[in-house]
Amino acid sequence: MADRHARENYLKAILAIKDKKGYVRSIDIANELGVSRPSVSYATKQLREDGLITVNDDGMIALTESGLNIAENVQEKYDTLSQFFINLGVDEEKAKEDAHKIEHDISQETFSALLKFVTTCEVLTKGKGRCGK
């Protein structure tokens, strides 16, 4: 899978499905991402070859430690960015849409600075307002 964004989306979807259902099958991924089963088959083959997932004899899919680390990192970026945009007054749907676009491309350095800022704002406002307001 050449596209890093797609790879991260698959890993994040696997994490979400596992958290929701306790298990992950190819059809679950197809439904979650709105893609075809052949697309999922191709992607899972690549993810398996990259050492990011395992697939057992029953077709159950699990994240490896590396896959889990990537999925959790992308999810943290998404959650933080979404909340940050919402706190700025952006409509929730638009905030989530924009966070999804940015989660794949933001550098770790920039994200760490943003996370520090958001955390400081939460402490200063006790989670009830905007920083600097």
C-alpha atoms as a PDB file:
ATOM      1  CA  MET A   1       0.000   0.000   0.000  1.00  0.00           C
ATOM      2  CA  ALA A   2       1.830   3.019  -1.288  1.00  0.00           C
ATOM      3  CA  ASP A   3      -0.469   5.656   0.197  1.00  0.00           C
ATOM      4  CA  ARG A   4       0.428   6.407   3.822  1.00  0.00           C
ATOM      5  CA  HIS A   5      -2.932   8.135   4.382  1.00  0.00           C
ATOM      6  CA  ALA A   6      -4.832   5.013   3.300  1.00  0.00           C
ATOM      7  CA  ARG A   7      -2.618   2.797   5.452  1.00  0.00           C
ATOM      8  CA  GLU A   8      -3.232   4.985   8.492  1.00  0.00           C
ATOM      9  CA  ASN A   9      -6.982   5.069   7.785  1.00  0.00           C
ATOM     10  CA  TYR A  10      -7.092   1.261   7.679  1.00  0.00           C
ATOM     11  CA  LEU A  11      -5.135   0.946  10.923  1.00  0.00           C
ATOM     12  CA  LYS A  12      -7.323   3.539  12.649  1.00  0.00           C
ATOM     13  CA  ALA A  13     -10.457   1.740  11.409  1.00  0.00           C
ATOM     14  CA  ILE A  14      -9.170  -1.599  12.708  1.00  0.00           C
ATOM     15  CA  LEU A  15      -8.534  -0.014  16.109  1.00  0.00           C
ATOM     16  CA  ALA A  16     -12.026   1.530  16.204  1.00  0.00           C
ATOM     17  CA  ILE A  17     -13.731  -1.715  15.188  1.00  0.00           C
ATOM     18  CA  LYS A  18     -11.755  -3.720  17.748  1.00  0.00           C
ATOM     19  CA  ASP A  19     -12.713  -1.229  20.474  1.00  0.00           C
ATOM     20  CA  LYS A  20     -16.371  -1.331  19.389  1.00  0.00           C
ATOM     21  CA  LYS A  21     -16.899  -5.033  18.641  1.00  0.00           C
ATOM     22  CA  GLY A  22     -13.977  -6.837  20.251  1.00  0.00           C
ATOM     23  CA  TYR A  23     -12.978  -8.455  16.955  1.00  0.00           C
ATOM     24  CA  VAL A  24     -12.258  -7.363  13.392  1.00  0.00           C
ATOM     25  CA  ARG A  25     -13.136  -9.053  10.101  1.00  0.00           C
ATOM     26  CA  SER A  26     -12.561  -7.849   6.537  1.00  0.00           C
ATOM     27  CA  ILE A  27     -16.259  -7.102   6.071  1.00  0.00           C
ATOM     28  CA  ASP A  28     -16.183  -4.886   9.166  1.00  0.00           C
ATOM     29  CA  ILE A  29     -13.351  -2.839   7.665  1.00  0.00           C
ATOM     30  CA  ALA A  30     -15.173  -2.581   4.317  1.00  0.00           C
ATOM     31  CA  ASN A  31     -18.295  -1.320   6.092  1.00  0.00           C
ATOM     32  CA  GLU A  32     -16.372   1.103   8.322  1.00  0.00           C
ATOM     33  CA  LEU A  33     -14.430   2.679   5.463  1.00  0.00           C
ATOM     34  CA  GLY A  34     -17.076   2.346   2.742  1.00  0.00           C
ATOM     35  CA  VAL A  35     -14.776   0.376   0.439  1.00  0.00           C
ATOM     36  CA  SER A  36     -15.106  -2.921  -1.412  1.00  0.00           C
ATOM     37  CA  ARG A  37     -14.026  -6.267   0.020  1.00  0.00           C
ATOM     38  CA  PRO A  38     -11.375  -6.671  -2.728  1.00  0.00           C
ATOM     39  CA  SER A  39      -9.914  -3.305  -1.666  1.00  0.00           C
ATOM     40  CA  VAL A  40      -9.784  -4.531   1.929  1.00  0.00           C
ATOM     41  CA  SER A  41      -8.184  -7.794   0.798  1.00  0.00           C
ATOM     42  CA  TYR A  42      -5.450  -5.909  -1.066  1.00  0.00           C
ATOM     43  CA  ALA A  43      -4.877  -3.506   1.832  1.00  0.00           C
ATOM     44  CA  THR A  44      -4.749  -6.206   4.506  1.00  0.00           C
ATOM     45  CA  LYS A  45      -2.251  -8.172   2.417  1.00  0.00           C
ATOM     46  CA  GLN A  46      -0.009  -5.109   2.323  1.00  0.00           C
ATOM     47  CA  LEU A  47      -0.485  -4.359   6.021  1.00  0.00           C
ATOM     48  CA  ARG A  48       0.343  -7.976   6.865  1.00  0.00           C
ATOM     49  CA  GLU A  49       3.484  -7.863   4.698  1.00  0.00           C
ATOM     50  CA  ASP A  50       4.491  -4.621   6.430  1.00  0.00           C
ATOM     51  CA  GLY A  51       4.123  -6.309   9.819  1.00  0.00           C
ATOM     52  CA  LEU A  52       1.296  -4.037  10.958  1.00  0.00           C
ATOM     53  CA  ILE A  53      -1.479  -6.631  11.283  1.00  0.00           C
ATOM     54  CA  THR A  54      -1.944 -10.362  11.704  1.00  0.00           C
ATOM     55  CA  VAL A  55      -4.767 -12.480  10.297  1.00  0.00           C
ATOM     56  CA  ASN A  56      -5.605 -15.787  11.970  1.00  0.00           C
ATOM     57  CA  ASP A  57      -7.032 -18.920  10.336  1.00  0.00           C
ATOM     58  CA  ASP A  58     -10.584 -17.734  11.050  1.00  0.00           C
ATOM     59  CA  GLY A  59      -9.930 -14.445   9.206  1.00  0.00           C
ATOM     60  CA  MET A  60      -9.835 -12.366  12.364  1.00  0.00           C
ATOM     61  CA  ILE A  61      -7.583  -9.334  12.037  1.00  0.00           C
ATOM     62  CA  ALA A  62      -5.429  -7.917  14.830  1.00  0.00           C
ATOM     63  CA  LEU A  63      -2.985  -5.035  15.020  1.00  0.00           C
ATOM     64  CA  THR A  64       0.619  -5.845  15.807  1.00  0.00           C
ATOM     65  CA  GLU A  65       2.417  -3.660  18.324  1.00  0.00           C
ATOM     66  CA  SER A  66       3.729  -1.496  15.457  1.00  0.00           C
ATOM     67  CA  GLY A  67       0.277  -1.252  13.882  1.00  0.00           C
ATOM     68  CA  LEU A  68      -1.288  -0.377  17.220  1.00  0.00           C
ATOM     69  CA  ASN A  69       1.290   2.367  17.834  1.00  0.00           C
ATOM     70  CA  ILE A  70       0.544   3.965  14.454  1.00  0.00           C
ATOM     71  CA  ALA A  71      -3.234   3.674  14.906  1.00  0.00           C
ATOM     72  CA  GLU A  72      -3.161   5.170  18.401  1.00  0.00           C
ATOM     73  CA  ASN A  73      -0.888   8.008  17.268  1.00  0.00           C
ATOM     74  CA  VAL A  74      -3.182   8.929  14.370  1.00  0.00           C
ATOM     75  CA  GLN A  75      -6.262   8.651  16.606  1.00  0.00           C
ATOM     76  CA  GLU A  76      -4.666  10.930  19.203  1.00  0.00           C
ATOM     77  CA  LYS A  77      -3.929  13.502  16.502  1.00  0.00           C
ATOM     78  CA  TYR A  78      -7.497  13.300  15.220  1.00  0.00           C
ATOM     79  CA  ASP A  79      -9.025  13.625  18.690  1.00  0.00           C
ATOM     80  CA  THR A  80      -6.780  16.530  19.682  1.00  0.00           C
ATOM     81  CA  LEU A  81      -7.197  18.414  16.414  1.00  0.00           C
ATOM     82  CA  SER A  82     -10.979  17.924  16.413  1.00  0.00           C
ATOM     83  CA  GLN A  83     -11.299  19.226  19.957  1.00  0.00           C
ATOM     84  CA  PHE A  84      -8.949  22.124  19.255  1.00  0.00           C
ATOM     85  CA  PHE A  85     -11.005  23.241  16.255  1.00  0.00           C
ATOM     86  CA  ILE A  86     -14.264  22.858  18.177  1.00  0.00           C
ATOM     87  CA  ASN A  87     -12.805  24.969  20.991  1.00  0.00           C
ATOM     88  CA  LEU A  88     -11.973  27.627  18.404  1.00  0.00           C
ATOM     89  CA  GLY A  89     -15.664  27.738  17.512  1.00  0.00           C
ATOM     90  CA  VAL A  90     -15.584  25.598  14.366  1.00  0.00           C
ATOM     91  CA  ASP A  91     -18.734  23.550  13.729  1.00  0.00           C
ATOM     92  CA  GLU A  92     -18.197  19.993  15.040  1.00  0.00           C
ATOM     93  CA  GLU A  93     -18.745  18.285  11.670  1.00  0.00           C
ATOM     94  CA  LYS A  94     -16.334  20.667   9.911  1.00  0.00           C
ATOM     95  CA  ALA A  95     -13.819  20.345  12.766  1.00  0.00           C
ATOM     96  CA  LYS A  96     -13.792  16.558  12.406  1.00  0.00           C
ATOM     97  CA  GLU A  97     -13.540  16.769   8.618  1.00  0.00           C
ATOM     98  CA  ASP A  98     -10.559  19.127   8.835  1.00  0.00           C
ATOM     99  CA  ALA A  99      -8.907  17.094  11.606  1.00  0.00           C
ATOM    100  CA  HIS A 100      -9.126  14.012   9.394  1.00  0.00           C
ATOM    101  CA  LYS A 101      -7.320  15.851   6.601  1.00  0.00           C
ATOM    102  CA  ILE A 102      -4.568  17.169   8.860  1.00  0.00           C
ATOM    103  CA  GLU A 103      -3.984  14.100  11.081  1.00  0.00           C
ATOM    104  CA  HIS A 104      -1.871  12.419   8.411  1.00  0.00           C
ATOM    105  CA  ASP A 105       0.345  15.351   7.525  1.00  0.00           C
ATOM    106  CA  ILE A 106       1.045  17.242  10.738  1.00  0.00           C
ATOM    107  CA  SER A 107       4.634  16.765  11.918  1.00  0.00           C
ATOM    108  CA  GLN A 108       5.279  15.263  15.329  1.00  0.00           C
ATOM    109  CA  GLU A 109       7.041  18.489  16.354  1.00  0.00           C
ATOM    110  CA  THR A 110       4.048  20.656  15.479  1.00  0.00           C
ATOM    111  CA  PHE A 111       1.603  18.188  17.010  1.00  0.00           C
ATOM    112  CA  SER A 112       3.585  18.076  20.259  1.00  0.00           C
ATOM    113  CA  ALA A 113       3.512  21.884  20.458  1.00  0.00           C
ATOM    114  CA  LEU A 114      -0.226  21.922  19.754  1.00  0.00           C
ATOM    115  CA  LEU A 115      -0.837  19.222  22.365  1.00  0.00           C
ATOM    116  CA  LYS A 116       1.131  21.239  24.934  1.00  0.00           C
ATOM    117  CA  PHE A 117      -0.902  24.344  24.089  1.00  0.00           C
ATOM    118  CA  VAL A 118      -4.229  22.498  24.284  1.00  0.00           C
ATOM    119  CA  THR A 119      -3.273  20.883  27.593  1.00  0.00           C
ATOM    120  CA  THR A 120      -2.226  24.251  29.040  1.00  0.00           C
ATOM    121  CA  CYS A 121      -5.503  25.822  27.890  1.00  0.00           C
ATOM    122  CA  GLU A 122      -7.512  23.012  29.474  1.00  0.00           C
ATOM    123  CA  VAL A 123      -5.712  23.590  32.776  1.00  0.00           C
ATOM    124  CA  LEU A 124      -6.030  27.379  32.646  1.00  0.00           C
ATOM    125  CA  THR A 125      -9.719  27.356  31.728  1.00  0.00           C
ATOM    126  CA  LYS A 126     -10.568  24.209  33.703  1.00  0.00           C
ATOM    127  CA  GLY A 127     -11.959  22.839  30.453  1.00  0.00           C
ATOM    128  CA  LYS A 128     -14.719  25.445  30.318  1.00  0.00           C
ATOM    129  CA  GLY A 129     -13.613  28.060  27.873  1.00  0.00           C
ATOM    130  CA  ARG A 130     -11.240  29.333  25.282  1.00  0.00           C
ATOM    131  CA  CYS A 131      -7.652  30.201  26.091  1.00  0.00           C
ATOM    132  CA  GLY A 132      -7.062  33.927  26.103  1.00  0.00           C
ATOM    133  CA  LYS A 133     -10.746  34.713  26.402  1.00  0.00           C
END
